[in-house]
Structure formats: structure tokens, C-alpha cells
Protein backbone atom coordinates (compact mmCIF):
# COMPACT_ATOMS: atom_id res chain seq x y z
CA MET A 1 0.00 0.00 0.00
CA ALA A 2 1.23 3.49 -0.84
CA GLU A 3 -0.06 6.77 0.52
CA PHE A 4 0.83 10.38 -0.20
CA SER A 5 -0.26 13.23 2.05
CA GLY A 6 1.06 16.50 3.35
CA GLU A 7 0.52 20.09 4.34
CA LEU A 8 1.14 23.46 2.68
CA GLY A 9 1.05 26.42 5.06
CA PHE A 10 1.00 30.21 4.76
CA GLU A 11 2.17 31.99 7.90
CA GLY A 12 2.01 35.66 8.84
CA ARG A 13 3.58 37.16 11.97
CA HIS A 14 3.09 40.63 13.41
CA PHE A 15 5.54 41.76 16.08
CA ILE A 16 3.99 44.32 18.41
CA HIS A 17 7.23 46.18 19.17
CA ASN A 18 10.03 47.47 16.98
CA GLY A 19 12.96 45.11 16.66
CA THR A 20 15.92 45.55 18.96
CA PHE A 21 18.24 45.50 15.92
CA GLY A 22 18.01 47.50 12.70
CA GLU A 23 17.63 44.49 10.40
CA GLN A 24 14.54 43.20 12.23
CA GLN A 25 11.06 43.86 10.84
CA GLU A 26 7.64 44.06 12.48
CA GLN A 27 5.88 42.06 9.76
CA ASN A 28 6.95 38.70 8.41
CA VAL A 29 5.52 36.26 5.87
CA SER A 30 6.58 32.65 5.52
CA VAL A 31 5.51 29.58 3.54
CA TYR A 32 6.19 25.93 4.38
CA LEU A 33 5.61 22.55 2.74
CA GLU A 34 5.69 19.18 4.51
CA PRO A 35 4.77 16.25 2.22
CA GLU A 36 4.82 12.62 3.33
CA TRP A 37 5.26 9.39 1.38
CA PHE A 38 4.29 6.16 3.13
CA PHE A 39 4.67 2.61 1.79
CA ASP A 40 4.01 -0.72 3.49
CA TRP A 41 4.25 -4.28 2.21
CA ASP A 42 4.80 -7.86 3.36
CA ASP A 43 1.33 -7.91 4.98
CA GLY A 44 2.13 -4.70 6.82
CA LYS A 45 5.32 -6.09 8.38
CA GLN A 46 7.56 -3.68 6.50
CA ARG A 47 7.16 0.03 5.96
CA PHE A 48 8.99 3.01 4.50
CA LEU A 49 8.32 6.64 5.42
CA PHE A 50 9.75 9.83 3.92
CA THR A 51 8.82 13.27 5.31
CA PRO A 52 10.80 16.25 4.00
CA PHE A 53 10.22 19.82 5.19
CA LEU A 54 10.77 23.07 3.30
CA ARG A 55 10.32 26.67 4.48
CA TRP A 56 10.75 30.05 2.80
CA ASP A 57 10.97 33.13 5.03
CA GLU A 58 10.57 36.71 3.86
CA HIS A 59 13.32 38.33 5.94
CA ASP A 60 15.46 35.72 7.72
CA SER A 61 17.67 33.84 5.26
CA GLU A 62 18.62 31.36 8.01
CA ARG A 63 14.95 30.41 8.49
CA THR A 64 14.66 29.60 4.80
CA HIS A 65 15.76 25.99 4.96
CA VAL A 66 15.17 22.39 3.95
CA ASP A 67 15.18 19.42 6.32
CA VAL A 68 14.34 15.72 6.40
CA ARG A 69 12.02 15.10 9.33
CA GLU A 70 11.79 11.34 8.81
CA LEU A 71 13.29 8.87 6.35
CA TYR A 72 13.34 5.28 7.57
CA TRP A 73 12.60 1.62 6.92
CA GLN A 74 10.92 -0.50 9.59
CA ARG A 75 10.44 -4.26 9.95
CA SER A 76 8.01 -5.77 12.46
CA PHE A 77 8.43 -9.26 13.90
CA ASP A 78 6.30 -11.20 16.37
CA ARG A 79 7.59 -9.52 19.52
CA TRP A 80 9.95 -6.83 18.32
CA GLU A 81 10.56 -4.12 15.74
CA LEU A 82 13.63 -2.86 13.90
CA SER A 83 14.01 0.47 12.09
CA VAL A 84 16.92 2.23 10.38
CA GLY A 85 17.07 5.84 9.21
CA LEU A 86 16.01 9.29 10.39
CA ARG A 87 13.18 9.17 12.93
CA LYS A 88 11.40 11.33 15.49
CA PHE A 89 10.46 10.17 19.00
CA PHE A 90 8.67 12.23 21.62
CA TRP A 91 9.00 11.58 25.34
CA GLY A 92 7.06 13.59 27.90
CA VAL A 93 3.71 14.22 29.55
CA THR A 94 3.67 17.82 30.83
CA GLU A 95 2.42 20.83 28.89
CA SER A 96 4.77 23.75 29.54
CA ALA A 97 8.14 21.97 29.23
CA HIS A 98 9.53 18.52 28.40
CA VAL A 99 12.62 17.81 30.47
CA VAL A 100 12.84 14.12 29.44
CA ASP A 101 12.52 14.64 25.67
CA ILE A 102 16.11 14.15 24.49
CA ILE A 103 16.34 11.95 21.38
CA ASN A 104 15.77 14.57 18.67
CA GLN A 105 17.42 17.92 18.14
CA ASP A 106 15.11 20.96 18.34
CA ASP A 107 14.50 22.91 15.17
CA GLY A 108 15.45 26.32 16.53
CA LEU A 109 14.21 28.05 13.36
CA GLU A 110 10.56 27.11 13.66
CA ASP A 111 9.07 28.25 16.95
CA LEU A 112 9.94 29.45 20.42
CA ASP A 113 8.34 26.40 22.06
CA LEU A 114 10.90 24.08 20.37
CA GLU A 115 8.20 21.50 19.66
CA ASP A 116 9.43 21.02 16.08
CA LYS A 117 12.22 18.46 15.79
CA LEU A 118 14.92 17.45 13.34
CA GLY A 119 15.07 13.85 12.18
CA GLN A 120 17.68 11.85 14.12
CA PRO A 121 19.80 9.22 12.30
CA MET A 122 19.50 5.99 14.26
CA VAL A 123 19.12 2.26 14.50
CA HIS A 124 16.11 1.59 16.71
CA THR A 125 14.73 -1.64 18.16
CA ARG A 126 11.63 -2.18 20.29
CA TRP A 127 10.88 -5.30 22.30
CA LEU A 128 7.20 -5.84 23.15
CA SER A 129 6.24 -7.84 26.25
CA ASP A 130 3.70 -8.02 29.07
CA ALA A 131 6.39 -6.64 31.39
CA GLY A 132 6.56 -3.45 29.31
CA ASP A 133 8.04 -2.25 26.05
CA LEU A 134 11.82 -1.75 25.77
CA ASP A 135 13.29 0.65 23.20
CA PHE A 136 16.99 0.83 22.38
CA PHE A 137 18.56 3.55 20.22
CA VAL A 138 22.00 3.76 18.62
CA MET A 139 22.62 7.20 17.08
CA PRO A 140 25.84 7.38 15.00
CA TYR A 141 25.54 11.01 13.89
CA PHE A 142 24.66 14.21 15.76
CA ARG A 143 22.60 17.05 14.29
CA GLU A 144 23.39 20.59 15.37
CA ARG A 145 20.73 23.14 16.25
CA ASP A 146 20.06 26.03 13.86
CA TYR A 147 19.37 29.58 15.00
CA ALA A 148 17.72 32.67 13.56
CA GLY A 149 19.95 34.99 11.58
CA ALA A 150 20.72 38.67 12.12
CA ALA A 151 17.39 39.71 10.54
CA GLY A 152 15.38 37.14 12.48
CA ARG A 153 13.25 37.85 15.53
CA VAL A 154 13.22 35.83 18.78
CA ARG A 155 17.00 35.44 18.89
CA PRO A 156 19.88 36.26 21.27
CA PHE A 157 21.32 39.79 21.39
CA VAL A 158 24.43 38.46 19.68
CA PRO A 159 23.91 36.22 16.60
CA VAL A 160 24.92 32.57 16.90
CA ASN A 161 27.75 31.45 14.62
CA THR A 162 26.85 27.88 13.64
CA GLU A 163 30.01 27.64 11.51
CA ALA A 164 32.29 27.79 14.59
CA VAL A 165 30.84 24.96 16.67
CA LEU A 166 32.78 23.44 19.58
CA TYR A 167 32.47 19.87 20.91
CA GLU A 168 33.65 18.26 24.11
CA SER A 169 34.10 14.94 22.29
CA SER A 170 36.98 14.61 19.84
CA ASP A 171 34.57 12.67 17.60
CA GLU A 172 32.48 15.84 17.28
CA GLU A 173 29.26 15.16 15.33
CA ASN A 174 30.31 11.54 14.72
CA HIS A 175 30.15 10.59 18.39
CA VAL A 176 27.93 7.49 18.80
CA ASP A 177 25.11 8.27 21.23
CA TRP A 178 22.82 5.65 22.73
CA ALA A 179 19.64 5.53 24.76
CA VAL A 180 17.32 2.96 26.31
CA ARG A 181 13.71 3.45 27.46
CA TRP A 182 11.21 1.19 29.24
CA THR A 183 7.49 1.97 29.19
CA GLN A 184 4.62 0.24 30.94
CA VAL A 185 0.96 0.79 31.76
CA LEU A 186 0.02 -0.09 35.33
CA GLY A 187 -3.68 0.41 35.84
CA ASP A 188 -4.38 4.12 35.41
CA TRP A 189 -0.69 5.03 35.29
CA ASP A 190 1.66 5.33 32.29
CA LEU A 191 5.33 4.97 33.24
CA GLY A 192 8.50 5.76 31.32
CA LEU A 193 12.06 5.14 32.54
CA ALA A 194 15.02 6.07 30.33
CA HIS A 195 18.76 6.66 30.13
CA PHE A 196 20.67 8.63 27.49
CA SER A 197 24.42 8.85 26.95
CA GLY A 198 25.97 11.11 24.35
CA THR A 199 26.04 14.66 23.02
CA ALA A 200 23.65 17.13 24.66
CA ARG A 201 21.03 18.50 22.28
CA ASP A 202 20.92 21.95 23.92
CA PRO A 203 24.36 23.61 23.65
CA LEU A 204 25.90 26.24 25.83
CA LEU A 205 26.22 29.53 23.93
CA LEU A 206 29.67 30.97 24.64
CA PRO A 207 30.85 34.50 23.72
CA ASP A 208 33.40 34.66 20.92
CA VAL A 209 36.28 36.17 22.91
CA ILE A 210 38.23 37.05 19.76
CA SER A 211 35.68 39.09 17.80
CA GLY A 212 32.91 39.56 20.36
CA ASP A 213 30.45 39.59 17.45
CA PHE A 214 29.00 36.10 17.84
CA LEU A 215 27.97 33.38 20.23
CA ILE A 216 29.52 29.95 19.67
CA PRO A 217 27.58 26.73 20.43
CA TYR A 218 29.42 24.30 22.70
CA TYR A 219 28.07 20.73 22.63
CA TYR A 220 29.13 18.80 25.71
CA GLN A 221 28.80 15.13 26.69
CA ILE A 222 26.03 14.08 29.04
CA ASP A 223 24.68 11.04 30.86
CA VAL A 224 21.10 11.56 31.98
CA SER A 225 18.47 9.28 33.52
CA SER A 226 14.81 10.26 33.43
CA LEU A 227 11.37 9.27 34.67
CA ASP A 228 7.98 10.34 33.35
CA ILE A 229 4.64 9.39 34.89
CA GLN A 230 1.07 10.20 33.95
CA GLY A 231 -1.94 8.93 35.86
CA ALA A 232 -5.68 9.47 35.45
CA LYS A 233 -7.81 9.76 38.56
CA GLY A 234 -11.36 10.72 37.67
CA ASP A 235 -11.25 13.91 35.61
CA THR A 236 -7.70 14.76 36.71
CA LEU A 237 -4.42 13.88 35.00
CA TRP A 238 -1.38 13.86 37.29
CA LYS A 239 1.93 14.41 35.50
CA LEU A 240 5.63 14.21 36.36
CA GLU A 241 8.85 14.53 34.38
CA VAL A 242 12.21 14.47 36.13
CA ALA A 243 15.74 14.15 34.74
CA SER A 244 19.06 13.83 36.54
CA GLY A 245 22.18 14.27 34.47
CA ASP A 246 25.96 14.31 34.81
CA ARG A 247 28.13 16.59 32.67
CA PHE A 248 31.39 18.59 32.73
CA ASP A 249 30.37 20.84 35.66
CA GLY A 250 28.74 18.16 37.81
CA ARG A 251 25.28 16.74 38.34
CA TYR A 252 22.07 18.62 37.66
CA THR A 253 18.34 18.05 38.09
CA SER A 254 15.42 19.33 36.03
CA LEU A 255 11.76 18.74 36.77
CA ALA A 256 8.28 19.48 35.44
CA SER A 257 5.30 18.35 37.47
CA GLY A 258 1.64 19.19 37.82
CA LEU A 259 -1.91 18.30 36.94
CA GLU A 260 -4.68 18.94 34.44
CA HIS A 261 -8.25 18.82 35.73
CA THR A 262 -11.02 18.70 33.12
CA LEU A 263 -14.42 20.32 33.59
CA VAL A 264 -16.68 18.35 31.25
CA GLY A 265 -19.51 20.16 29.47
CA VAL A 266 -19.22 23.53 31.22
CA PHE A 267 -22.52 25.45 31.54
CA ASP A 268 -24.36 22.58 29.83
CA THR A 269 -22.43 23.09 26.59
CA PRO A 270 -20.27 20.66 24.56
CA VAL A 271 -17.16 22.58 25.68
CA ASP A 272 -14.63 20.84 27.95
CA VAL A 273 -12.18 23.00 29.90
CA GLY A 274 -8.91 21.58 31.21
CA LEU A 275 -7.31 23.57 34.04
CA ILE A 276 -3.51 23.24 34.06
CA PHE A 277 -1.11 23.81 36.93
CA GLU A 278 2.59 22.92 36.68
CA TYR A 279 5.84 23.64 38.49
CA LEU A 280 9.16 23.82 36.60
CA PHE A 281 12.66 23.56 38.05
CA ASP A 282 16.20 23.43 36.63
CA ASP A 283 19.40 23.99 38.64
CA ARG A 284 21.82 24.46 35.70
CA ASP A 285 22.90 28.03 36.48
CA LEU A 286 25.50 28.09 33.72
CA ASP A 287 22.84 27.52 31.04
CA ARG A 288 20.49 30.25 32.29
CA PRO A 289 17.43 28.06 31.62
CA ILE A 290 14.20 29.97 31.00
CA PHE A 291 12.21 27.70 33.31
CA ASP A 292 14.48 27.37 36.35
CA ASN A 293 11.97 28.04 39.15
CA ASP A 294 8.61 28.77 37.53
CA ILE A 295 4.90 28.19 37.98
CA ALA A 296 2.74 27.62 34.89
CA ILE A 297 -1.03 28.12 34.98
CA GLY A 298 -3.30 27.62 32.00
CA ALA A 299 -6.45 26.27 30.42
CA ARG A 300 -7.23 23.99 27.48
CA LEU A 301 -10.59 24.40 25.72
CA ALA A 302 -11.97 21.63 23.52
CA PHE A 303 -15.13 22.89 21.81
CA ASN A 304 -16.08 19.39 20.54
CA ASP A 305 -17.59 20.82 17.36
CA ALA A 306 -17.51 19.65 13.77
CA GLN A 307 -14.57 21.97 13.07
CA SER A 308 -12.37 20.45 15.85
CA SER A 309 -11.91 23.91 17.41
CA GLU A 310 -9.49 24.08 20.33
CA LEU A 311 -7.62 26.66 22.38
CA LEU A 312 -4.68 26.40 24.78
CA ALA A 313 -3.54 29.34 26.91
CA PHE A 314 -1.02 29.39 29.74
CA SER A 315 1.29 31.72 31.59
CA ALA A 316 4.65 30.82 33.16
CA ILE A 317 5.90 33.09 35.95
CA ASP A 318 9.42 33.03 37.38
CA VAL A 319 9.16 32.72 41.15
CA ASN A 320 12.33 34.78 41.73
CA SER A 321 12.28 37.55 39.11
CA ARG A 322 8.52 37.64 38.37
CA ALA A 323 9.33 37.55 34.65
CA GLN A 324 6.30 36.28 32.77
CA PHE A 325 5.75 34.38 29.53
CA ILE A 326 2.24 34.10 28.06
CA SER A 327 1.30 31.70 25.27
CA VAL A 328 -2.01 31.34 23.41
CA GLU A 329 -2.57 28.72 20.70
CA GLY A 330 -5.80 27.98 18.86
CA SER A 331 -6.88 26.07 15.76
CA ARG A 332 -10.03 25.37 13.76
CA ARG A 333 -10.75 23.33 10.64
CA LEU A 334 -12.15 25.18 7.62
CA GLY A 335 -13.95 22.58 5.57
CA ASP A 336 -12.34 19.24 4.83
CA ASN A 337 -8.90 20.39 3.69
CA TRP A 338 -8.03 23.66 5.42
CA THR A 339 -7.00 24.61 8.96
CA ALA A 340 -6.60 28.05 10.51
CA ALA A 341 -4.27 28.41 13.50
CA LEU A 342 -3.64 31.37 15.81
CA GLN A 343 -0.58 31.76 18.01
CA MET A 344 0.34 34.58 20.40
CA ARG A 345 3.45 35.00 22.56
CA PHE A 346 3.93 37.78 25.11
CA PHE A 347 6.73 38.65 27.54
CA SER A 348 6.50 40.95 30.57
CA ASN A 349 8.37 42.00 33.72
CA ILE A 350 11.73 41.49 32.02
CA ASP A 351 14.32 44.14 32.88
CA ASP A 352 16.52 45.88 30.33
CA PRO A 353 20.04 44.38 30.19
CA GLU A 354 22.67 46.16 32.26
CA ASN A 355 25.72 43.90 31.91
CA LEU A 356 27.14 40.94 29.97
CA ASP A 357 25.30 38.43 32.13
CA ASP A 358 21.99 40.11 31.29
CA LEU A 359 22.88 40.07 27.59
CA LEU A 360 23.30 36.29 27.73
CA ASP A 361 19.94 35.82 29.46
CA PRO A 362 17.62 34.27 26.82
CA LEU A 363 14.56 36.13 28.15
CA SER A 364 16.30 39.51 28.13
CA SER A 365 17.09 39.25 24.44
CA ILE A 366 13.47 38.55 23.41
CA ARG A 367 11.66 40.89 25.80
CA ASP A 368 10.46 43.04 22.83
CA ASP A 369 9.50 40.10 20.60
CA ASP A 370 5.80 39.83 21.50
CA TYR A 371 3.98 38.61 18.40
CA VAL A 372 0.71 37.40 16.91
CA GLU A 373 0.85 34.71 14.23
CA LEU A 374 -1.84 33.43 11.88
CA THR A 375 -1.33 30.28 9.81
CA LEU A 376 -3.56 28.97 7.05
CA ALA A 377 -2.74 25.37 6.09
CA ARG A 378 -3.96 23.25 3.18
CA HIS A 379 -3.97 19.49 3.84
CA PHE A 380 -3.70 17.03 0.97
């Protein structure tokens, strides 16, 4: 069986404030294409999937790019599976951050939430049993993160030079990473336990001490174990993600935990409202993580209509600085083949930079990058 499908999208962004740098614009138009070819044979035991991605951006030449999201062959046996190629895997249960999601590199050109991923070259096996499923990954090649260019918005004060990358490993991008993950369902609870060893996906951005004009990504080695749990009790989902890692400057811990309580059919309507509360923690001071000691509060609205209308809004507030990030995302089908999506990002209570440390703070550099985005997508 062969199938061809995909999505063609037209995206417009309006930035509420003037750009911090002269090259930055308040309006931006972008177009993307993501087709998908799927083949299966041998009574469904073998499959092949190819998903390329192409984007053209009006102002940021770095955001105009081509990528392969997935390109792999898979063979299924009685109790196990084998796949080879570029794949995407998502780990995580919380809404505001995913501290256990580590297999794929983030596509830093797509969106601030870093939900879009690059395809990871790998050999993957999965063993299926009543005691749980066991996944094993061998990743022989590392993919570096891309960043917005000088004309792009939502970027550091100093542009990132992706041509001057540093690695802790002498093997650089050819270091062989590996990971293992066990998942099981125990009653109302979904459990995931994993370990990853290899090159960290999120680099440190170091100042170029020679020119001072760029930041240089430094990809270090990491060993990190993680646990994710999600349990349903009545109309409430309880969620936990925790990761403990060891790297060049010692051990660190990151955590995302909380709940989502659903109010079904509010005011005798078809609308369901999910109330979200999460706490985020990360003790890696050197990285200046955005969510290091934050509380996230939000709501998810499912209108349960023929157009599959939905809305997600949340705010994350730093407990120490009171810096605030607000996100609103909504979507609605328009007929059988079109979808309209709305996205808004706002930043508040972020002080102007006063020294080098402030300049390296990721929130400080995007404090004037509030924007509203509308996307119209054609599905085929």
C-alpha cells in the first residue's frame, strides 16, 4: 500500500514592538511545505516513510531551509521491531516543558516552544512484552541546532555562529550516542524510565572572545536518567517529568510536574475545559534556563464541534524575578482540507540588560519580541 499526504502552510507574523536591531522587521511572511510518502508491504510487516520539510521566510535567510524530518525503513516481527534511518520520538507528559525529551534535536528556526524536531539518524529496536516495552537507540551522527539569523526575531542579542561549533568529544558530530527506554501501563498510570548517553542536544552559547560579534555553540557530553509518569484519577491527569544528568560541571536536576483537571460540558455546553497547573525547576545556572523556578497556569478548551476547534492558553511566571511568559494557541478546521491556527506569545516584567550576564539571558534578548501569528494550512 502506498499513501501520499502533506501540508502546505501560509504563515504571517506581526511583532507588536520594533525590533531591537536595525535588520529586524515588524511584519513577516513565511511559507512551508511538509509532504509525506508512506509505503508498506509484506502484509504490513515492513514500511517506508519519507517526510521532508521546506520553508521560505521573507526576511530571515537562516529560516529559509530544507530538512528531512523522517526517512526510515521499519520491519516488524512477532515480539519486536527494527528500524533504520532518520526518525522522530517524543518523550514527555507535561504541557509547559519537556525535560525528558532528548532523542531529537530541536528545530530552533521554527518556533519558540521548540516542539518542532529534526530527524535523528538511528538504529532503533523495540521489544514488546507483558512486562513493558523496551526501546533501544544507537545514534551514530549528531545534528546541530540552527538559529535565527541577524534579521530574524526571537534570537539572542548576539547572533549565533553555527560555523564555529565546539564539541567536548573529539569525535564531534560523529560521536555514537545511545539511549534505552522502558514503558509500561500499570492500571491508570503510564510509566517511562530512560537513560541517554551522548552529546547534549541543547548547547551552551559561549561568547566569541576574539571578535565579540558572535555566540559559539558548545556541545558537551552528558549522561542523563529520566522518569515520566502520567496517571488518570477521575477527571484529573497527574503528571511528572524528572531528569538527573551528569556533565562537565557536575550533576544537575530538572523537573516538570503538575496536573490537568477537566471540567466536562461547562454550563451545559459541549465545551470541555482543562485547568492546568505545573511547576518547573532546573538547577543548571551556567545555562540560564528559561524555566528554572517557575509556575505555569493555563487552560485547554476543547469545543467538541464539527470543526475540531481548540484553544490552549497558559502563563509561566518566574518565582524569583517575576518575569512572565504568556502563550495562546488555537486552531479550527475550515472545511475538509483547510485549517486556521492562531498563536500569540507575550513577555512581561523582564528588565533591560545592564551587563554581559543580562545580555546572555535568553529572556532579556526577546523581551520586545511579543507577536501574533496566523497560519492557514492546506492538507492534501
